[in-house]
Each structure stands twice: as C-alpha cells, then as structure tokens.
C-alpha cells in the first residue's frame, strides 16, 4: 500500500521502452535494454545510434527519476551522464556530463 507522505513522492517507475531522440539532433537515437520492467530501480544496457550509422554502447542504472549511464564505446567512451526523468513529462529526460547536456524524448 502506498501512502501519501513525503516518501511516496520519491517512488517512480520509469518507462524506458521505445527509442529516445536527442531533441538537439532528431537523427540521434538512444535505446535502453535489459532493465527490470515495472520497477523503480534497475540497471540497464543501451545503444546510441547516429545518423551516419554508428552505434555506441552504454550501461547504467536508474532509481525513481534519477538516471545515469556511462558510454562503453565511441567518442564519449568513459563519459558518464547523470540526470533525471521529468516526473511531470515522463517521456523526457535531461542528463549531463562534465561538458555536455542531452535532453532525450521517448518516441511513441
């Protein structure tokens, strides 16, 4: 049973299905795999696909609205992005590294 107290505001189950587009470059897509469906906390794997056909892997985790991932391959290799899934618009997330910000939108 969920309560309406402060702790219940932190509970959030993200939907990482479908592709997520970088709003700054709609040909830049992100896909999330191997996450625990219907859970507020999980690890995941993912791919970034670029317009010229490159594919780069990343891995990370989320808990409620907090999400982070680190690139394993490509020009962003070893770069970690941290941020949040928008609670008011759960089809949007904004993540930041030390030098870059990405805003991603889940596509229907």
PDB file of N, CA and C in Angstrom:
ATOM      1  N   UNK A   1       0.844  -1.177   0.000  1.00  0.00           N
ATOM      2  CA  UNK A   1       0.000   0.000   0.000  1.00  0.00           C
ATOM      3  C   UNK A   1       0.888   1.239   0.000  1.00  0.00           C
ATOM      4  N   UNK A   2       0.598   2.173  -0.869  1.00  0.00           N
ATOM      5  CA  UNK A   2       1.354   3.424  -0.939  1.00  0.00           C
ATOM      6  C   UNK A   2       0.698   4.480  -0.068  1.00  0.00           C
ATOM      7  N   UNK A   3       1.509   5.223   0.604  1.00  0.00           N
ATOM      8  CA  UNK A   3       0.980   6.320   1.415  1.00  0.00           C
ATOM      9  C   UNK A   3       1.147   7.622   0.659  1.00  0.00           C
ATOM     10  N   UNK A   4       0.575   8.657   1.183  1.00  0.00           N
ATOM     11  CA  UNK A   4       0.673   9.972   0.554  1.00  0.00           C
ATOM     12  C   UNK A   4       1.706  10.840   1.240  1.00  0.00           C
ATOM     13  N   UNK A   5       2.556  10.255   2.043  1.00  0.00           N
ATOM     14  CA  UNK A   5       3.591  11.014   2.739  1.00  0.00           C
ATOM     15  C   UNK A   5       4.718  11.415   1.808  1.00  0.00           C
ATOM     16  N   UNK A   6       5.694  12.095   2.369  1.00  0.00           N
ATOM     17  CA  UNK A   6       6.836  12.586   1.603  1.00  0.00           C
ATOM     18  C   UNK A   6       7.552  11.474   0.849  1.00  0.00           C
ATOM     19  N   UNK A   7       7.748  10.297   1.483  1.00  0.00           N
ATOM     20  CA  UNK A   7       8.479   9.204   0.847  1.00  0.00           C
ATOM     21  C   UNK A   7       7.801   8.714  -0.424  1.00  0.00           C
ATOM     22  N   UNK A   8       6.476   8.773  -0.491  1.00  0.00           N
ATOM     23  CA  UNK A   8       5.783   8.283  -1.682  1.00  0.00           C
ATOM     24  C   UNK A   8       6.030   9.181  -2.885  1.00  0.00           C
ATOM     25  N   UNK A   9       6.421  10.433  -2.673  1.00  0.00           N
ATOM     26  CA  UNK A   9       6.699  11.331  -3.787  1.00  0.00           C
ATOM     27  C   UNK A   9       7.962  10.922  -4.531  1.00  0.00           C
ATOM     28  N   UNK A  10       8.849  10.187  -3.872  1.00  0.00           N
ATOM     29  CA  UNK A  10      10.090   9.755  -4.498  1.00  0.00           C
ATOM     30  C   UNK A  10       9.916   8.486  -5.322  1.00  0.00           C
ATOM     31  N   UNK A  11       8.833   7.750  -5.117  1.00  0.00           N
ATOM     32  CA  UNK A  11       8.614   6.486  -5.817  1.00  0.00           C
ATOM     33  C   UNK A  11       8.134   6.767  -7.236  1.00  0.00           C
ATOM     34  N   UNK A  12       8.878   6.234  -8.215  1.00  0.00           N
ATOM     35  CA  UNK A  12       8.567   6.496  -9.625  1.00  0.00           C
ATOM     36  C   UNK A  12       9.063   5.315 -10.446  1.00  0.00           C
ATOM     37  N   UNK A  13       8.231   4.809 -11.355  1.00  0.00           N
ATOM     38  CA  UNK A  13       8.630   3.712 -12.230  1.00  0.00           C
ATOM     39  C   UNK A  13       8.784   4.271 -13.640  1.00  0.00           C
ATOM     40  N   UNK A  14      10.020   4.404 -14.127  1.00  0.00           N
ATOM     41  CA  UNK A  14      10.229   4.943 -15.471  1.00  0.00           C
ATOM     42  C   UNK A  14       9.839   3.950 -16.557  1.00  0.00           C
ATOM     43  N   UNK A  15       9.502   4.477 -17.700  1.00  0.00           N
ATOM     44  CA  UNK A  15       9.219   3.668 -18.885  1.00  0.00           C
ATOM     45  C   UNK A  15      10.326   3.960 -19.895  1.00  0.00           C
ATOM     46  N   UNK A  16      11.284   3.052 -20.021  1.00  0.00           N
ATOM     47  CA  UNK A  16      12.412   3.263 -20.928  1.00  0.00           C
ATOM     48  C   UNK A  16      12.200   2.597 -22.287  1.00  0.00           C
ATOM     49  N   UNK A  17      10.999   2.145 -22.563  1.00  0.00           N
ATOM     50  CA  UNK A  17      10.742   1.465 -23.833  1.00  0.00           C
ATOM     51  C   UNK A  17      10.830   2.429 -25.011  1.00  0.00           C
ATOM     52  N   UNK A  18      10.810   1.843 -26.208  1.00  0.00           N
ATOM     53  CA  UNK A  18      10.875   2.584 -27.475  1.00  0.00           C
ATOM     54  C   UNK A  18      12.210   3.310 -27.611  1.00  0.00           C
ATOM     55  N   UNK A  19      12.330   4.074 -28.652  1.00  0.00           N
ATOM     56  CA  UNK A  19      13.551   4.850 -28.849  1.00  0.00           C
ATOM     57  C   UNK A  19      13.377   6.232 -28.225  1.00  0.00           C
ATOM     58  N   UNK A  20      14.502   6.797 -27.818  1.00  0.00           N
ATOM     59  CA  UNK A  20      14.547   8.137 -27.240  1.00  0.00           C
ATOM     60  C   UNK A  20      15.383   8.997 -28.169  1.00  0.00           C
ATOM     61  N   UNK A  21      14.831  10.125 -28.616  1.00  0.00           N
ATOM     62  CA  UNK A  21      15.546  11.021 -29.527  1.00  0.00           C
ATOM     63  C   UNK A  21      16.180  12.167 -28.763  1.00  0.00           C
ATOM     64  N   UNK A  22      17.382  12.516 -29.193  1.00  0.00           N
ATOM     65  CA  UNK A  22      18.064  13.705 -28.705  1.00  0.00           C
ATOM     66  C   UNK A  22      17.348  14.905 -29.339  1.00  0.00           C
ATOM     67  N   UNK A  23      16.763  15.789 -28.541  1.00  0.00           N
ATOM     68  CA  UNK A  23      15.976  16.878 -29.133  1.00  0.00           C
ATOM     69  C   UNK A  23      16.839  17.876 -29.901  1.00  0.00           C
ATOM     70  N   UNK A  24      18.142  17.885 -29.648  1.00  0.00           N
ATOM     71  CA  UNK A  24      19.046  18.765 -30.396  1.00  0.00           C
ATOM     72  C   UNK A  24      19.413  18.175 -31.754  1.00  0.00           C
ATOM     73  N   UNK A  25      19.191  16.881 -31.941  1.00  0.00           N
ATOM     74  CA  UNK A  25      19.523  16.191 -33.189  1.00  0.00           C
ATOM     75  C   UNK A  25      18.611  14.980 -33.302  1.00  0.00           C
ATOM     76  N   UNK A  26      17.484  15.131 -33.980  1.00  0.00           N
ATOM     77  CA  UNK A  26      16.452  14.082 -34.042  1.00  0.00           C
ATOM     78  C   UNK A  26      16.927  12.802 -34.727  1.00  0.00           C
ATOM     79  N   UNK A  27      18.076  12.845 -35.417  1.00  0.00           N
ATOM     80  CA  UNK A  27      18.639  11.636 -36.017  1.00  0.00           C
ATOM     81  C   UNK A  27      19.522  10.870 -35.037  1.00  0.00           C
ATOM     82  N   UNK A  28      19.669  11.381 -33.838  1.00  0.00           N
ATOM     83  CA  UNK A  28      20.482  10.770 -32.788  1.00  0.00           C
ATOM     84  C   UNK A  28      19.525  10.075 -31.812  1.00  0.00           C
ATOM     85  N   UNK A  29      19.534   8.719 -31.831  1.00  0.00           N
ATOM     86  CA  UNK A  29      18.569   7.955 -31.043  1.00  0.00           C
ATOM     87  C   UNK A  29      19.255   7.111 -29.979  1.00  0.00           C
ATOM     88  N   UNK A  30      18.569   6.950 -28.855  1.00  0.00           N
ATOM     89  CA  UNK A  30      19.051   6.151 -27.732  1.00  0.00           C
ATOM     90  C   UNK A  30      18.040   5.046 -27.459  1.00  0.00           C
ATOM     91  N   UNK A  31      18.550   3.847 -27.182  1.00  0.00           N
ATOM     92  CA  UNK A  31      17.720   2.692 -26.864  1.00  0.00           C
ATOM     93  C   UNK A  31      18.209   2.102 -25.551  1.00  0.00           C
ATOM     94  N   UNK A  32      17.282   1.710 -24.685  1.00  0.00           N
ATOM     95  CA  UNK A  32      17.594   1.133 -23.385  1.00  0.00           C
ATOM     96  C   UNK A  32      17.119  -0.314 -23.364  1.00  0.00           C
ATOM     97  N   UNK A  33      17.977  -1.240 -22.870  1.00  0.00           N
ATOM     98  CA  UNK A  33      17.690  -2.674 -22.848  1.00  0.00           C
ATOM     99  C   UNK A  33      18.002  -3.263 -21.483  1.00  0.00           C
ATOM    100  N   UNK A  34      17.475  -4.467 -21.268  1.00  0.00           N
ATOM    101  CA  UNK A  34      17.837  -5.291 -20.103  1.00  0.00           C
ATOM    102  C   UNK A  34      17.593  -4.592 -18.775  1.00  0.00           C
ATOM    103  N   UNK A  35      16.544  -3.801 -18.704  1.00  0.00           N
ATOM    104  CA  UNK A  35      16.180  -3.193 -17.427  1.00  0.00           C
ATOM    105  C   UNK A  35      15.029  -3.990 -16.834  1.00  0.00           C
ATOM    106  N   UNK A  36      14.833  -3.842 -15.541  1.00  0.00           N
ATOM    107  CA  UNK A  36      13.758  -4.556 -14.871  1.00  0.00           C
ATOM    108  C   UNK A  36      12.463  -3.789 -15.066  1.00  0.00           C
ATOM    109  N   UNK A  37      11.582  -4.353 -15.858  1.00  0.00           N
ATOM    110  CA  UNK A  37      10.306  -3.720 -16.174  1.00  0.00           C
ATOM    111  C   UNK A  37       9.450  -3.578 -14.910  1.00  0.00           C
ATOM    112  N   UNK A  38       8.726  -2.496 -14.806  1.00  0.00           N
ATOM    113  CA  UNK A  38       7.807  -2.233 -13.692  1.00  0.00           C
ATOM    114  C   UNK A  38       8.512  -2.138 -12.337  1.00  0.00           C
ATOM    115  N   UNK A  39       9.744  -1.661 -12.355  1.00  0.00           N
ATOM    116  CA  UNK A  39      10.498  -1.482 -11.108  1.00  0.00           C
ATOM    117  C   UNK A  39      10.986  -0.045 -11.006  1.00  0.00           C
ATOM    118  N   UNK A  40      11.064   0.464  -9.795  1.00  0.00           N
ATOM    119  CA  UNK A  40      11.535   1.835  -9.617  1.00  0.00           C
ATOM    120  C   UNK A  40      13.058   1.922  -9.558  1.00  0.00           C
ATOM    121  N   UNK A  41      13.754   0.751  -9.606  1.00  0.00           N
ATOM    122  CA  UNK A  41      15.208   0.735  -9.539  1.00  0.00           C
ATOM    123  C   UNK A  41      15.722  -0.422 -10.389  1.00  0.00           C
ATOM    124  N   UNK A  42      16.710  -0.138 -11.262  1.00  0.00           N
ATOM    125  CA  UNK A  42      17.241  -1.192 -12.122  1.00  0.00           C
ATOM    126  C   UNK A  42      18.543  -0.732 -12.772  1.00  0.00           C
ATOM    127  N   UNK A  43      19.308  -1.702 -13.240  1.00  0.00           N
ATOM    128  CA  UNK A  43      20.427  -1.424 -14.130  1.00  0.00           C
ATOM    129  C   UNK A  43      19.927  -1.631 -15.555  1.00  0.00           C
ATOM    130  N   UNK A  44      20.705  -1.169 -16.534  1.00  0.00           N
ATOM    131  CA  UNK A  44      20.322  -1.332 -17.936  1.00  0.00           C
ATOM    132  C   UNK A  44      21.556  -1.265 -18.823  1.00  0.00           C
ATOM    133  N   UNK A  45      21.378  -1.718 -20.056  1.00  0.00           N
ATOM    134  CA  UNK A  45      22.344  -1.535 -21.135  1.00  0.00           C
ATOM    135  C   UNK A  45      21.671  -0.658 -22.171  1.00  0.00           C
ATOM    136  N   UNK A  46      22.461  -0.068 -23.067  1.00  0.00           N
ATOM    137  CA  UNK A  46      21.852   0.764 -24.092  1.00  0.00           C
ATOM    138  C   UNK A  46      22.755   0.988 -25.273  1.00  0.00           C
ATOM    139  N   UNK A  47      22.142   1.523 -26.327  1.00  0.00           N
ATOM    140  CA  UNK A  47      22.850   1.893 -27.546  1.00  0.00           C
ATOM    141  C   UNK A  47      22.477   3.310 -27.940  1.00  0.00           C
ATOM    142  N   UNK A  48      23.460   4.019 -28.453  1.00  0.00           N
ATOM    143  CA  UNK A  48      23.213   5.292 -29.124  1.00  0.00           C
ATOM    144  C   UNK A  48      23.436   5.042 -30.608  1.00  0.00           C
ATOM    145  N   UNK A  49      22.465   5.386 -31.439  1.00  0.00           N
ATOM    146  CA  UNK A  49      22.579   5.257 -32.890  1.00  0.00           C
ATOM    147  C   UNK A  49      22.638   6.649 -33.502  1.00  0.00           C
ATOM    148  N   UNK A  50      23.616   6.857 -34.392  1.00  0.00           N
ATOM    149  CA  UNK A  50      23.786   8.165 -35.022  1.00  0.00           C
ATOM    150  C   UNK A  50      23.257   8.147 -36.455  1.00  0.00           C
ATOM    151  N   UNK A  51      23.123   9.320 -37.025  1.00  0.00           N
ATOM    152  CA  UNK A  51      22.602   9.463 -38.386  1.00  0.00           C
ATOM    153  C   UNK A  51      23.474   8.773 -39.427  1.00  0.00           C
ATOM    154  N   UNK A  52      24.776   8.689 -39.184  1.00  0.00           N
ATOM    155  CA  UNK A  52      25.661   8.068 -40.172  1.00  0.00           C
ATOM    156  C   UNK A  52      25.838   6.565 -39.941  1.00  0.00           C
ATOM    157  N   UNK A  53      24.998   5.968 -39.077  1.00  0.00           N
ATOM    158  CA  UNK A  53      25.005   4.526 -38.895  1.00  0.00           C
ATOM    159  C   UNK A  53      25.898   3.995 -37.797  1.00  0.00           C
ATOM    160  N   UNK A  54      26.573   4.873 -37.068  1.00  0.00           N
ATOM    161  CA  UNK A  54      27.403   4.413 -35.948  1.00  0.00           C
ATOM    162  C   UNK A  54      26.512   3.992 -34.784  1.00  0.00           C
ATOM    163  N   UNK A  55      26.995   3.035 -34.019  1.00  0.00           N
ATOM    164  CA  UNK A  55      26.285   2.596 -32.821  1.00  0.00           C
ATOM    165  C   UNK A  55      27.293   2.488 -31.675  1.00  0.00           C
ATOM    166  N   UNK A  56      26.955   3.127 -30.560  1.00  0.00           N
ATOM    167  CA  UNK A  56      27.833   3.147 -29.399  1.00  0.00           C
ATOM    168  C   UNK A  56      27.074   2.607 -28.187  1.00  0.00           C
ATOM    169  N   UNK A  57      27.749   1.797 -27.371  1.00  0.00           N
ATOM    170  CA  UNK A  57      27.123   1.165 -26.223  1.00  0.00           C
ATOM    171  C   UNK A  57      27.341   1.974 -24.952  1.00  0.00           C
ATOM    172  N   UNK A  58      26.352   1.877 -24.056  1.00  0.00           N
ATOM    173  CA  UNK A  58      26.467   2.460 -22.729  1.00  0.00           C
ATOM    174  C   UNK A  58      25.779   1.528 -21.730  1.00  0.00           C
ATOM    175  N   UNK A  59      26.039   1.733 -20.465  1.00  0.00           N
ATOM    176  CA  UNK A  59      25.399   0.970 -19.395  1.00  0.00           C
ATOM    177  C   UNK A  59      25.169   1.907 -18.225  1.00  0.00           C
ATOM    178  N   UNK A  60      24.127   1.625 -17.453  1.00  0.00           N
ATOM    179  CA  UNK A  60      23.838   2.496 -16.332  1.00  0.00           C
ATOM    180  C   UNK A  60      22.775   1.954 -15.415  1.00  0.00           C
ATOM    181  N   UNK A  61      22.156   2.866 -14.690  1.00  0.00           N
ATOM    182  CA  UNK A  61      21.118   2.491 -13.734  1.00  0.00           C
ATOM    183  C   UNK A  61      20.172   3.666 -13.525  1.00  0.00           C
ATOM    184  N   UNK A  62      19.019   3.330 -12.969  1.00  0.00           N
ATOM    185  CA  UNK A  62      18.083   4.371 -12.548  1.00  0.00           C
ATOM    186  C   UNK A  62      17.495   3.981 -11.202  1.00  0.00           C
ATOM    187  N   UNK A  63      17.068   4.980 -10.486  1.00  0.00           N
ATOM    188  CA  UNK A  63      16.281   4.792  -9.281  1.00  0.00           C
ATOM    189  C   UNK A  63      15.290   5.935  -9.217  1.00  0.00           C
ATOM    190  N   UNK A  64      14.012   5.577  -9.312  1.00  0.00           N
ATOM    191  CA  UNK A  64      12.942   6.566  -9.380  1.00  0.00           C
ATOM    192  C   UNK A  64      13.218   7.491 -10.570  1.00  0.00           C
ATOM    193  N   UNK A  65      13.309   8.783 -10.380  1.00  0.00           N
ATOM    194  CA  UNK A  65      13.541   9.687 -11.512  1.00  0.00           C
ATOM    195  C   UNK A  65      15.017   9.905 -11.825  1.00  0.00           C
ATOM    196  N   UNK A  66      15.907   9.469 -10.942  1.00  0.00           N
ATOM    197  CA  UNK A  66      17.355   9.646 -11.169  1.00  0.00           C
ATOM    198  C   UNK A  66      17.865   8.585 -12.131  1.00  0.00           C
ATOM    199  N   UNK A  67      18.687   9.022 -13.089  1.00  0.00           N
ATOM    200  CA  UNK A  67      19.244   8.091 -14.067  1.00  0.00           C
ATOM    201  C   UNK A  67      20.682   8.480 -14.356  1.00  0.00           C
ATOM    202  N   UNK A  68      21.511   7.480 -14.605  1.00  0.00           N
ATOM    203  CA  UNK A  68      22.892   7.750 -15.019  1.00  0.00           C
ATOM    204  C   UNK A  68      23.368   6.605 -15.906  1.00  0.00           C
ATOM    205  N   UNK A  69      24.244   6.952 -16.849  1.00  0.00           N
ATOM    206  CA  UNK A  69      24.847   5.933 -17.704  1.00  0.00           C
ATOM    207  C   UNK A  69      26.216   6.392 -18.162  1.00  0.00           C
ATOM    208  N   UNK A  70      27.074   5.405 -18.455  1.00  0.00           N
ATOM    209  CA  UNK A  70      28.439   5.642 -18.898  1.00  0.00           C
ATOM    210  C   UNK A  70      28.644   4.963 -20.242  1.00  0.00           C
ATOM    211  N   UNK A  71      29.212   5.691 -21.187  1.00  0.00           N
ATOM    212  CA  UNK A  71      29.490   5.116 -22.500  1.00  0.00           C
ATOM    213  C   UNK A  71      30.643   4.139 -22.416  1.00  0.00           C
ATOM    214  N   UNK A  72      30.486   3.004 -23.072  1.00  0.00           N
ATOM    215  CA  UNK A  72      31.498   1.954 -23.105  1.00  0.00           C
ATOM    216  C   UNK A  72      32.304   1.982 -24.390  1.00  0.00           C
ATOM    217  N   UNK A  73      31.752   2.590 -25.443  1.00  0.00           N
ATOM    218  CA  UNK A  73      32.413   2.676 -26.749  1.00  0.00           C
ATOM    219  C   UNK A  73      32.160   4.044 -27.362  1.00  0.00           C
ATOM    220  N   UNK A  74      32.910   4.350 -28.422  1.00  0.00           N
ATOM    221  CA  UNK A  74      32.680   5.571 -29.195  1.00  0.00           C
ATOM    222  C   UNK A  74      33.391   6.789 -28.654  1.00  0.00           C
ATOM    223  N   UNK A  75      33.090   7.956 -29.240  1.00  0.00           N
ATOM    224  CA  UNK A  75      33.776   9.194 -28.866  1.00  0.00           C
ATOM    225  C   UNK A  75      33.473   9.648 -27.432  1.00  0.00           C
ATOM    226  N   UNK A  76      32.388   9.172 -26.840  1.00  0.00           N
ATOM    227  CA  UNK A  76      32.058   9.505 -25.453  1.00  0.00           C
ATOM    228  C   UNK A  76      32.505   8.408 -24.476  1.00  0.00           C
ATOM    229  N   UNK A  77      33.335   7.476 -24.929  1.00  0.00           N
ATOM    230  CA  UNK A  77      33.763   6.361 -24.074  1.00  0.00           C
ATOM    231  C   UNK A  77      34.254   6.885 -22.718  1.00  0.00           C
ATOM    232  N   UNK A  78      33.784   6.239 -21.666  1.00  0.00           N
ATOM    233  CA  UNK A  78      34.110   6.561 -20.267  1.00  0.00           C
ATOM    234  C   UNK A  78      33.460   7.856 -19.773  1.00  0.00           C
ATOM    235  N   UNK A  79      32.639   8.489 -20.590  1.00  0.00           N
ATOM    236  CA  UNK A  79      31.929   9.700 -20.156  1.00  0.00           C
ATOM    237  C   UNK A  79      30.621   9.276 -19.492  1.00  0.00           C
ATOM    238  N   UNK A  80      30.390   9.812 -18.297  1.00  0.00           N
ATOM    239  CA  UNK A  80      29.184   9.499 -17.537  1.00  0.00           C
ATOM    240  C   UNK A  80      28.205  10.663 -17.596  1.00  0.00           C
ATOM    241  N   UNK A  81      26.958  10.330 -17.826  1.00  0.00           N
ATOM    242  CA  UNK A  81      25.859  11.292 -17.828  1.00  0.00           C
ATOM    243  C   UNK A  81      24.963  10.986 -16.641  1.00  0.00           C
ATOM    244  N   UNK A  82      24.571  12.030 -15.915  1.00  0.00           N
ATOM    245  CA  UNK A  82      23.673  11.903 -14.762  1.00  0.00           C
ATOM    246  C   UNK A  82      22.562  12.931 -14.910  1.00  0.00           C
ATOM    247  N   UNK A  83      21.372  12.531 -14.495  1.00  0.00           N
ATOM    248  CA  UNK A  83      20.275  13.483 -14.553  1.00  0.00           C
ATOM    249  C   UNK A  83      18.989  12.877 -14.066  1.00  0.00           C
ATOM    250  N   UNK A  84      17.888  13.385 -14.630  1.00  0.00           N
ATOM    251  CA  UNK A  84      16.568  12.986 -14.160  1.00  0.00           C
ATOM    252  C   UNK A  84      15.590  12.816 -15.304  1.00  0.00           C
ATOM    253  N   UNK A  85      14.675  11.889 -15.074  1.00  0.00           N
ATOM    254  CA  UNK A  85      13.500  11.756 -15.921  1.00  0.00           C
ATOM    255  C   UNK A  85      12.484  12.739 -15.360  1.00  0.00           C
ATOM    256  N   UNK A  86      11.862  13.503 -16.225  1.00  0.00           N
ATOM    257  CA  UNK A  86      10.927  14.541 -15.807  1.00  0.00           C
ATOM    258  C   UNK A  86       9.657  13.895 -15.244  1.00  0.00           C
ATOM    259  N   UNK A  87       9.412  14.084 -13.969  1.00  0.00           N
ATOM    260  CA  UNK A  87       8.228  13.498 -13.322  1.00  0.00           C
ATOM    261  C   UNK A  87       6.934  14.021 -13.961  1.00  0.00           C
ATOM    262  N   UNK A  88       6.923  15.278 -14.398  1.00  0.00           N
ATOM    263  CA  UNK A  88       5.726  15.866 -14.993  1.00  0.00           C
ATOM    264  C   UNK A  88       5.568  15.519 -16.472  1.00  0.00           C
ATOM    265  N   UNK A  89       6.655  15.119 -17.109  1.00  0.00           N
ATOM    266  CA  UNK A  89       6.633  14.671 -18.504  1.00  0.00           C
ATOM    267  C   UNK A  89       7.564  13.463 -18.594  1.00  0.00           C
ATOM    268  N   UNK A  90       7.094  12.272 -18.191  1.00  0.00           N
ATOM    269  CA  UNK A  90       7.970  11.111 -18.091  1.00  0.00           C
ATOM    270  C   UNK A  90       8.520  10.601 -19.422  1.00  0.00           C
ATOM    271  N   UNK A  91       8.138  11.238 -20.517  1.00  0.00           N
ATOM    272  CA  UNK A  91       8.709  10.900 -21.822  1.00  0.00           C
ATOM    273  C   UNK A  91       9.908  11.797 -22.128  1.00  0.00           C
ATOM    274  N   UNK A  92      10.429  12.489 -21.123  1.00  0.00           N
ATOM    275  CA  UNK A  92      11.582  13.377 -21.318  1.00  0.00           C
ATOM    276  C   UNK A  92      12.570  13.211 -20.170  1.00  0.00           C
ATOM    277  N   UNK A  93      13.855  13.161 -20.530  1.00  0.00           N
ATOM    278  CA  UNK A  93      14.908  13.151 -19.519  1.00  0.00           C
ATOM    279  C   UNK A  93      16.002  14.118 -19.931  1.00  0.00           C
ATOM    280  N   UNK A  94      16.652  14.701 -18.941  1.00  0.00           N
ATOM    281  CA  UNK A  94      17.807  15.554 -19.180  1.00  0.00           C
ATOM    282  C   UNK A  94      18.956  15.000 -18.357  1.00  0.00           C
ATOM    283  N   UNK A  95      20.080  14.741 -19.056  1.00  0.00           N
ATOM    284  CA  UNK A  95      21.273  14.194 -18.402  1.00  0.00           C
ATOM    285  C   UNK A  95      22.467  15.063 -18.758  1.00  0.00           C
ATOM    286  N   UNK A  96      23.425  15.130 -17.830  1.00  0.00           N
ATOM    287  CA  UNK A  96      24.593  15.996 -18.019  1.00  0.00           C
ATOM    288  C   UNK A  96      25.875  15.233 -17.718  1.00  0.00           C
ATOM    289  N   UNK A  97      26.894  15.527 -18.501  1.00  0.00           N
ATOM    290  CA  UNK A  97      28.250  15.085 -18.187  1.00  0.00           C
ATOM    291  C   UNK A  97      29.002  16.319 -17.725  1.00  0.00           C
ATOM    292  N   UNK A  98      30.319  16.215 -17.591  1.00  0.00           N
ATOM    293  CA  UNK A  98      31.095  17.388 -17.197  1.00  0.00           C
ATOM    294  C   UNK A  98      31.155  18.441 -18.295  1.00  0.00           C
ATOM    295  N   UNK A  99      30.820  18.060 -19.546  1.00  0.00           N
ATOM    296  CA  UNK A  99      30.964  19.014 -20.653  1.00  0.00           C
ATOM    297  C   UNK A  99      29.787  19.034 -21.633  1.00  0.00           C
ATOM    298  N   UNK A 100      28.721  18.303 -21.344  1.00  0.00           N
ATOM    299  CA  UNK A 100      27.655  18.164 -22.339  1.00  0.00           C
ATOM    300  C   UNK A 100      26.330  17.891 -21.638  1.00  0.00           C
ATOM    301  N   UNK A 101      25.248  18.425 -22.210  1.00  0.00           N
ATOM    302  CA  UNK A 101      23.899  18.170 -21.736  1.00  0.00           C
ATOM    303  C   UNK A 101      23.085  17.549 -22.862  1.00  0.00           C
ATOM    304  N   UNK A 102      22.368  16.481 -22.541  1.00  0.00           N
ATOM    305  CA  UNK A 102      21.485  15.829 -23.509  1.00  0.00           C
ATOM    306  C   UNK A 102      20.063  15.854 -22.971  1.00  0.00           C
ATOM    307  N   UNK A 103      19.115  16.255 -23.797  1.00  0.00           N
ATOM    308  CA  UNK A 103      17.706  16.128 -23.469  1.00  0.00           C
ATOM    309  C   UNK A 103      17.125  15.133 -24.442  1.00  0.00           C
ATOM    310  N   UNK A 104      16.578  14.054 -23.898  1.00  0.00           N
ATOM    311  CA  UNK A 104      16.056  12.957 -24.694  1.00  0.00           C
ATOM    312  C   UNK A 104      14.547  12.856 -24.507  1.00  0.00           C
ATOM    313  N   UNK A 105      13.840  12.543 -25.623  1.00  0.00           N
ATOM    314  CA  UNK A 105      12.400  12.351 -25.570  1.00  0.00           C
ATOM    315  C   UNK A 105      12.043  10.975 -26.094  1.00  0.00           C
ATOM    316  N   UNK A 106      11.217  10.252 -25.319  1.00  0.00           N
ATOM    317  CA  UNK A 106      10.753   8.920 -25.732  1.00  0.00           C
ATOM    318  C   UNK A 106       9.740   9.078 -26.866  1.00  0.00           C
ATOM    319  N   UNK A 107       9.910   8.280 -27.896  1.00  0.00           N
ATOM    320  CA  UNK A 107       9.024   8.318 -29.050  1.00  0.00           C
ATOM    321  C   UNK A 107       7.907   7.277 -28.874  1.00  0.00           C
ATOM    322  N   UNK A 108       6.726   7.573 -29.425  1.00  0.00           N
ATOM    323  CA  UNK A 108       5.596   6.648 -29.261  1.00  0.00           C
ATOM    324  C   UNK A 108       5.822   5.329 -29.988  1.00  0.00           C
TER     325      UNK A 108
END
